[in-house]
Amino acid sequence: MTRLSGKCGCGAVEYAVDDAFVYAAYCHCSDCRRTTGSAFKPFAGIPREKLTLIKGEAALLIHGQPDNHDAHCGTCGSLLYSLVREAAWLHVAMGTLVDAPSIRPTHHIFVGSKAPWYEITDDLPQYQGHK
């Protein structure tokens, strides 16, 4: 199994993850927009145990609950991943991957609350909420 590396913007937190993502999407919900400062968050879903923190566990800033949260670098603020689905899955922020994953986003979710100033210009399926 190929392992991919990822890290935050300042390098305080590094991780390795299996290139075994099950799904990937662009999320346009207001929470993802606020936490990334962007029009959407490209993310890839994978079982939690497929990601290993290599460096900086003490530097993580956890925002949310133990079984549903966003993990940021406490130094630079980069969103690294979100713990979801009863703490069994991670949504890895694809922008933090150093290596290119084999998966690509296949759809857009929460377009019903997308930023009004952003226009989706690709032909991927769009969903008002979750797929």
N, C-alpha and C. Protein backbone atom coordinates (compact mmCIF):
# COMPACT_ATOMS: atom_id res chain seq x y z
N MET A 1 0.85 -1.18 0.00
CA MET A 1 0.00 0.00 0.00
C MET A 1 0.89 1.24 0.00
N THR A 2 0.62 2.14 -0.90
CA THR A 2 1.34 3.40 -0.96
C THR A 2 0.92 4.30 0.20
N ARG A 3 1.89 4.92 0.84
CA ARG A 3 1.62 5.89 1.91
C ARG A 3 1.91 7.28 1.36
N LEU A 4 1.03 8.20 1.68
CA LEU A 4 1.17 9.59 1.28
C LEU A 4 1.56 10.41 2.49
N SER A 5 2.33 11.45 2.26
CA SER A 5 2.67 12.34 3.37
C SER A 5 1.84 13.61 3.28
N GLY A 6 1.63 14.21 4.44
CA GLY A 6 0.89 15.46 4.52
C GLY A 6 1.42 16.28 5.67
N LYS A 7 1.16 17.58 5.62
CA LYS A 7 1.62 18.44 6.70
C LYS A 7 0.87 19.76 6.69
N CYS A 8 1.00 20.47 7.79
CA CYS A 8 0.39 21.79 7.91
C CYS A 8 1.27 22.81 7.20
N GLY A 9 0.84 24.05 7.19
CA GLY A 9 1.57 25.10 6.50
C GLY A 9 2.94 25.41 7.08
N CYS A 10 3.08 25.31 8.39
CA CYS A 10 4.37 25.64 9.02
C CYS A 10 5.26 24.43 9.25
N GLY A 11 4.71 23.22 9.06
CA GLY A 11 5.51 22.01 9.24
C GLY A 11 5.54 21.47 10.67
N ALA A 12 4.79 22.09 11.58
CA ALA A 12 4.79 21.61 12.97
C ALA A 12 4.09 20.26 13.10
N VAL A 13 3.11 19.99 12.21
CA VAL A 13 2.38 18.72 12.24
C VAL A 13 2.59 18.02 10.90
N GLU A 14 2.95 16.75 10.96
CA GLU A 14 3.10 15.92 9.76
C GLU A 14 2.36 14.62 9.99
N TYR A 15 1.84 14.06 8.89
CA TYR A 15 1.12 12.80 8.98
C TYR A 15 1.43 11.94 7.76
N ALA A 16 1.11 10.66 7.88
CA ALA A 16 1.17 9.72 6.77
C ALA A 16 -0.20 9.06 6.68
N VAL A 17 -0.67 8.83 5.47
CA VAL A 17 -1.98 8.23 5.26
C VAL A 17 -1.90 7.27 4.09
N ASP A 18 -2.62 6.16 4.20
CA ASP A 18 -2.67 5.20 3.09
C ASP A 18 -3.35 5.84 1.90
N ASP A 19 -2.85 5.56 0.71
CA ASP A 19 -3.52 6.02 -0.51
C ASP A 19 -4.67 5.05 -0.80
N ALA A 20 -5.63 5.03 0.11
CA ALA A 20 -6.76 4.11 0.04
C ALA A 20 -8.06 4.85 0.35
N PHE A 21 -8.14 6.10 -0.11
CA PHE A 21 -9.34 6.89 0.14
C PHE A 21 -10.54 6.23 -0.52
N VAL A 22 -11.68 6.28 0.17
CA VAL A 22 -12.90 5.63 -0.29
C VAL A 22 -13.75 6.58 -1.12
N TYR A 23 -13.71 7.85 -0.80
CA TYR A 23 -14.48 8.86 -1.53
C TYR A 23 -13.78 10.20 -1.41
N ALA A 24 -14.12 11.12 -2.30
CA ALA A 24 -13.58 12.48 -2.24
C ALA A 24 -14.61 13.43 -2.85
N ALA A 25 -14.69 14.62 -2.28
CA ALA A 25 -15.69 15.59 -2.74
C ALA A 25 -15.22 17.01 -2.44
N TYR A 26 -15.97 17.95 -2.98
CA TYR A 26 -15.81 19.36 -2.65
C TYR A 26 -16.99 19.73 -1.76
N CYS A 27 -16.73 20.20 -0.54
CA CYS A 27 -17.81 20.60 0.35
C CYS A 27 -17.93 22.12 0.36
N HIS A 28 -19.14 22.60 0.12
CA HIS A 28 -19.42 24.03 0.06
C HIS A 28 -20.18 24.54 1.28
N CYS A 29 -20.31 23.73 2.34
CA CYS A 29 -21.07 24.17 3.52
C CYS A 29 -20.38 25.37 4.18
N SER A 30 -21.15 26.11 4.94
CA SER A 30 -20.60 27.31 5.57
C SER A 30 -19.51 26.98 6.59
N ASP A 31 -19.61 25.85 7.27
CA ASP A 31 -18.56 25.48 8.22
C ASP A 31 -17.23 25.24 7.51
N CYS A 32 -17.26 24.51 6.40
CA CYS A 32 -16.02 24.24 5.66
C CYS A 32 -15.46 25.52 5.05
N ARG A 33 -16.34 26.40 4.59
CA ARG A 33 -15.86 27.67 4.05
C ARG A 33 -15.16 28.49 5.12
N ARG A 34 -15.77 28.56 6.30
CA ARG A 34 -15.17 29.36 7.38
C ARG A 34 -13.85 28.76 7.87
N THR A 35 -13.80 27.45 8.03
CA THR A 35 -12.60 26.84 8.60
C THR A 35 -11.42 26.85 7.62
N THR A 36 -11.71 26.92 6.31
CA THR A 36 -10.63 26.96 5.33
C THR A 36 -10.36 28.36 4.80
N GLY A 37 -11.32 29.25 4.95
CA GLY A 37 -11.18 30.59 4.38
C GLY A 37 -11.29 30.58 2.87
N SER A 38 -11.93 29.56 2.33
CA SER A 38 -12.04 29.38 0.89
C SER A 38 -13.50 29.14 0.50
N ALA A 39 -13.75 29.04 -0.79
CA ALA A 39 -15.11 28.82 -1.28
C ALA A 39 -15.60 27.40 -1.00
N PHE A 40 -14.69 26.47 -0.79
CA PHE A 40 -15.05 25.07 -0.54
C PHE A 40 -13.85 24.35 0.05
N LYS A 41 -14.11 23.14 0.58
CA LYS A 41 -13.03 22.30 1.09
C LYS A 41 -12.98 21.02 0.28
N PRO A 42 -11.90 20.80 -0.47
CA PRO A 42 -11.73 19.48 -1.10
C PRO A 42 -11.24 18.50 -0.02
N PHE A 43 -11.95 17.39 0.12
CA PHE A 43 -11.57 16.43 1.15
C PHE A 43 -11.67 15.01 0.60
N ALA A 44 -10.94 14.11 1.26
CA ALA A 44 -10.98 12.70 0.90
C ALA A 44 -11.24 11.89 2.16
N GLY A 45 -12.20 10.96 2.10
CA GLY A 45 -12.62 10.18 3.25
C GLY A 45 -11.89 8.85 3.34
N ILE A 46 -11.53 8.50 4.57
CA ILE A 46 -10.78 7.27 4.81
C ILE A 46 -11.04 6.80 6.25
N PRO A 47 -11.03 5.49 6.50
CA PRO A 47 -11.15 5.03 7.88
C PRO A 47 -10.04 5.63 8.76
N ARG A 48 -10.41 5.98 9.96
CA ARG A 48 -9.51 6.68 10.89
C ARG A 48 -8.16 6.01 11.06
N GLU A 49 -8.15 4.70 11.13
CA GLU A 49 -6.90 3.99 11.42
C GLU A 49 -5.89 4.03 10.27
N LYS A 50 -6.27 4.57 9.13
CA LYS A 50 -5.37 4.63 7.96
C LYS A 50 -4.45 5.85 8.00
N LEU A 51 -4.64 6.75 8.99
CA LEU A 51 -3.79 7.93 9.12
C LEU A 51 -2.98 7.83 10.40
N THR A 52 -1.69 8.16 10.29
CA THR A 52 -0.79 8.15 11.43
C THR A 52 -0.13 9.52 11.56
N LEU A 53 -0.19 10.09 12.74
CA LEU A 53 0.55 11.33 12.98
C LEU A 53 2.02 10.99 13.12
N ILE A 54 2.86 11.67 12.38
CA ILE A 54 4.30 11.45 12.39
C ILE A 54 4.98 12.43 13.33
N LYS A 55 4.45 13.64 13.37
CA LYS A 55 5.08 14.70 14.15
C LYS A 55 4.02 15.71 14.58
N GLY A 56 4.14 16.20 15.80
CA GLY A 56 3.34 17.34 16.23
C GLY A 56 2.01 17.05 16.88
N GLU A 57 1.81 15.86 17.41
CA GLU A 57 0.52 15.57 18.05
C GLU A 57 0.18 16.60 19.13
N ALA A 58 1.18 17.02 19.89
CA ALA A 58 0.95 18.01 20.95
C ALA A 58 0.61 19.38 20.37
N ALA A 59 0.93 19.61 19.11
CA ALA A 59 0.65 20.90 18.46
C ALA A 59 -0.77 20.97 17.89
N LEU A 60 -1.50 19.85 17.89
CA LEU A 60 -2.85 19.85 17.33
C LEU A 60 -3.80 20.71 18.15
N LEU A 61 -4.63 21.45 17.46
CA LEU A 61 -5.71 22.21 18.07
C LEU A 61 -7.01 21.54 17.62
N ILE A 62 -7.71 20.94 18.56
CA ILE A 62 -8.94 20.21 18.27
C ILE A 62 -10.13 21.12 18.52
N HIS A 63 -10.96 21.28 17.51
CA HIS A 63 -12.15 22.13 17.64
C HIS A 63 -13.38 21.26 17.44
N GLY A 64 -14.14 21.05 18.50
CA GLY A 64 -15.33 20.22 18.43
C GLY A 64 -15.35 19.21 19.55
N GLN A 65 -16.07 18.11 19.31
CA GLN A 65 -16.27 17.07 20.30
C GLN A 65 -15.30 15.91 20.07
N PRO A 66 -15.13 15.03 21.06
CA PRO A 66 -14.20 13.90 20.90
C PRO A 66 -14.51 13.01 19.69
N ASP A 67 -15.79 12.86 19.32
CA ASP A 67 -16.13 11.96 18.22
C ASP A 67 -16.53 12.71 16.93
N ASN A 68 -16.34 14.04 16.91
CA ASN A 68 -16.71 14.83 15.74
C ASN A 68 -16.01 16.18 15.85
N HIS A 69 -14.84 16.31 15.21
CA HIS A 69 -14.10 17.56 15.35
C HIS A 69 -13.22 17.84 14.14
N ASP A 70 -12.72 19.06 14.11
CA ASP A 70 -11.70 19.47 13.14
C ASP A 70 -10.37 19.51 13.88
N ALA A 71 -9.33 19.01 13.22
CA ALA A 71 -7.98 19.05 13.78
C ALA A 71 -7.15 20.05 12.98
N HIS A 72 -6.70 21.08 13.67
CA HIS A 72 -5.88 22.13 13.07
C HIS A 72 -4.49 22.10 13.69
N CYS A 73 -3.54 22.69 13.00
CA CYS A 73 -2.24 22.95 13.62
C CYS A 73 -2.45 24.12 14.56
N GLY A 74 -2.04 23.97 15.81
CA GLY A 74 -2.18 25.04 16.78
C GLY A 74 -1.21 26.18 16.56
N THR A 75 -0.22 25.98 15.72
CA THR A 75 0.75 27.03 15.44
C THR A 75 0.33 27.89 14.26
N CYS A 76 0.03 27.26 13.11
CA CYS A 76 -0.30 28.04 11.92
C CYS A 76 -1.79 28.05 11.58
N GLY A 77 -2.57 27.17 12.21
CA GLY A 77 -4.01 27.14 12.00
C GLY A 77 -4.50 26.28 10.86
N SER A 78 -3.60 25.66 10.11
CA SER A 78 -4.01 24.82 8.97
C SER A 78 -5.00 23.75 9.41
N LEU A 79 -6.09 23.60 8.66
CA LEU A 79 -7.02 22.49 8.88
C LEU A 79 -6.42 21.25 8.25
N LEU A 80 -6.18 20.22 9.04
CA LEU A 80 -5.55 18.99 8.55
C LEU A 80 -6.59 17.93 8.20
N TYR A 81 -7.53 17.71 9.11
CA TYR A 81 -8.57 16.70 8.88
C TYR A 81 -9.75 16.95 9.80
N SER A 82 -10.85 16.31 9.46
CA SER A 82 -12.04 16.33 10.30
C SER A 82 -12.36 14.90 10.70
N LEU A 83 -12.64 14.67 11.97
CA LEU A 83 -13.07 13.37 12.47
C LEU A 83 -14.58 13.34 12.37
N VAL A 84 -15.13 12.35 11.67
CA VAL A 84 -16.56 12.31 11.37
C VAL A 84 -17.11 10.89 11.54
N ARG A 85 -18.41 10.77 11.34
CA ARG A 85 -19.11 9.48 11.31
C ARG A 85 -18.81 8.64 12.55
N GLU A 86 -19.17 9.20 13.71
CA GLU A 86 -18.99 8.53 15.01
C GLU A 86 -17.53 8.17 15.26
N ALA A 87 -16.63 9.05 14.86
CA ALA A 87 -15.18 8.93 15.08
C ALA A 87 -14.54 7.77 14.34
N ALA A 88 -15.21 7.22 13.35
CA ALA A 88 -14.65 6.09 12.61
C ALA A 88 -13.92 6.52 11.33
N TRP A 89 -14.21 7.72 10.84
CA TRP A 89 -13.66 8.18 9.56
C TRP A 89 -12.99 9.53 9.70
N LEU A 90 -12.05 9.80 8.81
CA LEU A 90 -11.41 11.09 8.70
C LEU A 90 -11.71 11.68 7.32
N HIS A 91 -11.95 12.96 7.29
CA HIS A 91 -12.01 13.70 6.04
C HIS A 91 -10.72 14.52 5.97
N VAL A 92 -9.76 14.02 5.22
CA VAL A 92 -8.47 14.67 5.09
C VAL A 92 -8.60 15.87 4.16
N ALA A 93 -8.15 17.03 4.62
CA ALA A 93 -8.14 18.22 3.77
C ALA A 93 -7.08 18.00 2.69
N MET A 94 -7.53 17.85 1.45
CA MET A 94 -6.63 17.45 0.37
C MET A 94 -5.50 18.45 0.13
N GLY A 95 -5.71 19.70 0.50
CA GLY A 95 -4.67 20.71 0.33
C GLY A 95 -3.47 20.50 1.24
N THR A 96 -3.60 19.66 2.27
CA THR A 96 -2.47 19.40 3.16
C THR A 96 -1.63 18.21 2.72
N LEU A 97 -2.09 17.50 1.69
CA LEU A 97 -1.31 16.37 1.18
C LEU A 97 -0.09 16.88 0.41
N VAL A 98 1.08 16.34 0.74
CA VAL A 98 2.30 16.67 0.00
C VAL A 98 2.35 15.84 -1.27
N ASP A 99 1.97 14.57 -1.16
CA ASP A 99 1.96 13.65 -2.30
C ASP A 99 0.57 13.62 -2.92
N ALA A 100 0.52 13.39 -4.22
CA ALA A 100 -0.76 13.34 -4.93
C ALA A 100 -1.48 12.01 -4.67
N PRO A 101 -2.72 12.07 -4.22
CA PRO A 101 -3.48 10.83 -4.03
C PRO A 101 -3.97 10.30 -5.36
N SER A 102 -4.34 9.04 -5.40
CA SER A 102 -4.87 8.46 -6.64
C SER A 102 -6.33 8.86 -6.85
N ILE A 103 -7.02 9.28 -5.80
CA ILE A 103 -8.43 9.67 -5.92
C ILE A 103 -8.54 11.16 -6.27
N ARG A 104 -9.63 11.50 -6.93
CA ARG A 104 -9.98 12.89 -7.23
C ARG A 104 -11.41 13.12 -6.76
N PRO A 105 -11.76 14.33 -6.36
CA PRO A 105 -13.15 14.59 -5.98
C PRO A 105 -14.10 14.24 -7.13
N THR A 106 -15.24 13.61 -6.76
CA THR A 106 -16.19 13.15 -7.77
C THR A 106 -17.50 13.93 -7.77
N HIS A 107 -17.70 14.81 -6.79
CA HIS A 107 -18.95 15.55 -6.70
C HIS A 107 -18.81 16.74 -5.75
N HIS A 108 -19.82 17.59 -5.77
CA HIS A 108 -19.91 18.75 -4.88
C HIS A 108 -21.06 18.50 -3.91
N ILE A 109 -20.84 18.81 -2.61
CA ILE A 109 -21.91 18.67 -1.63
C ILE A 109 -22.20 20.03 -0.98
N PHE A 110 -23.41 20.15 -0.46
CA PHE A 110 -23.90 21.36 0.19
C PHE A 110 -23.83 22.58 -0.71
N VAL A 111 -24.14 22.38 -1.99
CA VAL A 111 -24.15 23.53 -2.91
C VAL A 111 -25.32 24.46 -2.61
N GLY A 112 -26.29 23.99 -1.86
CA GLY A 112 -27.40 24.85 -1.46
C GLY A 112 -26.96 25.99 -0.56
N SER A 113 -25.80 25.84 0.07
CA SER A 113 -25.29 26.92 0.93
C SER A 113 -23.91 27.41 0.47
N LYS A 114 -23.62 27.20 -0.81
CA LYS A 114 -22.31 27.63 -1.32
C LYS A 114 -22.20 29.15 -1.29
N ALA A 115 -20.98 29.65 -1.36
CA ALA A 115 -20.75 31.09 -1.39
C ALA A 115 -21.40 31.68 -2.64
N PRO A 116 -22.20 32.72 -2.49
CA PRO A 116 -22.90 33.29 -3.64
C PRO A 116 -21.96 33.89 -4.68
N TRP A 117 -20.75 34.20 -4.30
CA TRP A 117 -19.79 34.80 -5.21
C TRP A 117 -18.96 33.77 -5.97
N TYR A 118 -19.17 32.47 -5.66
CA TYR A 118 -18.41 31.41 -6.33
C TYR A 118 -19.30 30.66 -7.30
N GLU A 119 -18.81 30.46 -8.52
CA GLU A 119 -19.53 29.71 -9.54
C GLU A 119 -18.83 28.37 -9.79
N ILE A 120 -19.55 27.28 -9.66
CA ILE A 120 -19.01 25.95 -9.97
C ILE A 120 -19.01 25.81 -11.49
N THR A 121 -17.84 25.55 -12.06
CA THR A 121 -17.73 25.53 -13.52
C THR A 121 -17.40 24.15 -14.10
N ASP A 122 -17.28 23.13 -13.24
CA ASP A 122 -17.01 21.79 -13.78
C ASP A 122 -18.32 21.04 -13.98
N ASP A 123 -18.24 19.85 -14.52
CA ASP A 123 -19.43 19.04 -14.82
C ASP A 123 -19.71 17.97 -13.77
N LEU A 124 -19.07 18.05 -12.60
CA LEU A 124 -19.31 17.05 -11.56
C LEU A 124 -20.72 17.20 -10.99
N PRO A 125 -21.30 16.09 -10.53
CA PRO A 125 -22.63 16.17 -9.91
C PRO A 125 -22.63 17.12 -8.71
N GLN A 126 -23.75 17.79 -8.52
CA GLN A 126 -23.92 18.72 -7.42
C GLN A 126 -25.11 18.29 -6.57
N TYR A 127 -24.92 18.31 -5.25
CA TYR A 127 -25.96 17.91 -4.32
C TYR A 127 -26.25 19.05 -3.34
N GLN A 128 -27.51 19.27 -3.03
CA GLN A 128 -27.91 20.33 -2.12
C GLN A 128 -27.39 20.10 -0.71
N GLY A 129 -27.31 18.86 -0.28
CA GLY A 129 -26.79 18.48 1.03
C GLY A 129 -25.77 17.38 0.84
N HIS A 130 -25.82 16.38 1.74
CA HIS A 130 -24.98 15.19 1.55
C HIS A 130 -25.41 14.48 0.29
N LYS A 131 -24.51 13.74 -0.28
CA LYS A 131 -24.82 12.96 -1.48
C LYS A 131 -25.93 11.98 -1.20
